[in-house]
Amino acid sequence: MGADTPKNEGEGNRTADAQYRRGVEDHVKNHDVQGDADRARRAVDGPEGEELRRAEEKGKSHAKGEDPKLKR
């Protein structure tokens, strides 16, 4: 393995987890999260809602499955 080759941390990759958490923390601190949520809600409830639902279904069709706890 070369010096520039990332180490395989296996399942539970701590480096990726730390990067993800830093990114989420940065987003929450530096963005209008409530405004983002409000805009998303208006989009889903508005004229583009049907298109967004079709896109969601298309994305789900590529997934192996969804966590049953997330079902509405």
Protein backbone atom coordinates (compact mmCIF):
# COMPACT_ATOMS: atom_id res chain seq x y z
CA MET A 1 0.00 0.00 0.00
CA GLY A 2 1.40 3.39 -0.99
CA ALA A 3 1.53 6.45 1.24
CA ASP A 4 -1.39 8.04 -0.63
CA THR A 5 -3.59 4.93 -0.45
CA PRO A 6 -6.26 5.29 2.23
CA LYS A 7 -6.21 2.68 4.98
CA ASN A 8 -9.15 0.30 4.84
CA GLU A 9 -10.84 0.72 8.20
CA GLY A 10 -13.47 -1.88 7.44
CA GLU A 11 -17.01 -1.73 8.70
CA GLY A 12 -17.59 1.24 10.97
CA ASN A 13 -15.05 3.49 9.23
CA ARG A 14 -14.16 6.01 11.95
CA THR A 15 -12.55 8.49 9.56
CA ALA A 16 -15.63 8.67 7.35
CA ASP A 17 -17.85 8.93 10.42
CA ALA A 18 -15.82 11.85 11.80
CA GLN A 19 -15.89 13.64 8.43
CA TYR A 20 -19.64 13.15 8.13
CA ARG A 21 -20.27 14.43 11.65
CA ARG A 22 -18.08 17.50 11.07
CA GLY A 23 -19.98 18.22 7.86
CA VAL A 24 -23.37 17.95 9.57
CA GLU A 25 -22.20 20.13 12.45
CA ASP A 26 -20.88 22.74 10.01
CA HIS A 27 -24.12 22.71 8.04
CA VAL A 28 -26.27 23.14 11.15
CA LYS A 29 -24.09 25.99 12.44
CA ASN A 30 -23.74 27.85 9.15
CA HIS A 31 -26.99 27.31 7.26
CA ASP A 32 -30.63 28.19 7.73
CA VAL A 33 -31.79 24.65 8.49
CA GLN A 34 -35.33 25.71 9.41
CA GLY A 35 -35.53 27.77 6.22
CA ASP A 36 -34.30 24.77 4.21
CA ALA A 37 -37.00 22.62 5.80
CA ASP A 38 -39.69 25.21 5.11
CA ARG A 39 -38.63 25.52 1.45
CA ALA A 40 -38.61 21.72 1.08
CA ARG A 41 -42.09 21.46 2.60
CA ARG A 42 -43.43 24.13 0.23
CA ALA A 43 -41.83 22.36 -2.74
CA VAL A 44 -43.40 19.01 -1.83
CA ASP A 45 -46.78 20.61 -1.20
CA GLY A 46 -46.57 22.80 -4.31
CA PRO A 47 -46.67 22.30 -8.07
CA GLU A 48 -43.40 20.34 -8.18
CA GLY A 49 -44.53 17.91 -5.47
CA GLU A 50 -45.59 15.16 -7.88
CA GLU A 51 -42.26 15.33 -9.70
CA LEU A 52 -40.39 15.13 -6.37
CA ARG A 53 -42.43 12.09 -5.30
CA ARG A 54 -41.69 10.35 -8.62
CA ALA A 55 -37.98 11.07 -8.16
CA GLU A 56 -38.14 9.64 -4.64
CA GLU A 57 -39.82 6.45 -5.90
CA LYS A 58 -37.24 6.11 -8.66
CA GLY A 59 -34.45 6.42 -6.10
CA LYS A 60 -36.10 3.87 -3.82
CA SER A 61 -36.36 1.42 -6.73
CA HIS A 62 -32.56 1.25 -6.80
CA ALA A 63 -32.25 0.57 -3.08
CA LYS A 64 -31.93 -2.91 -1.62
CA GLY A 65 -34.49 -2.04 0.99
CA GLU A 66 -35.63 0.47 3.52
CA ASP A 67 -35.40 0.21 7.26
CA PRO A 68 -38.92 -0.82 8.32
CA LYS A 69 -38.68 1.63 11.24
CA LEU A 70 -38.59 4.47 8.69
CA LYS A 71 -41.87 3.56 7.02
CA ARG A 72 -44.68 6.06 7.49
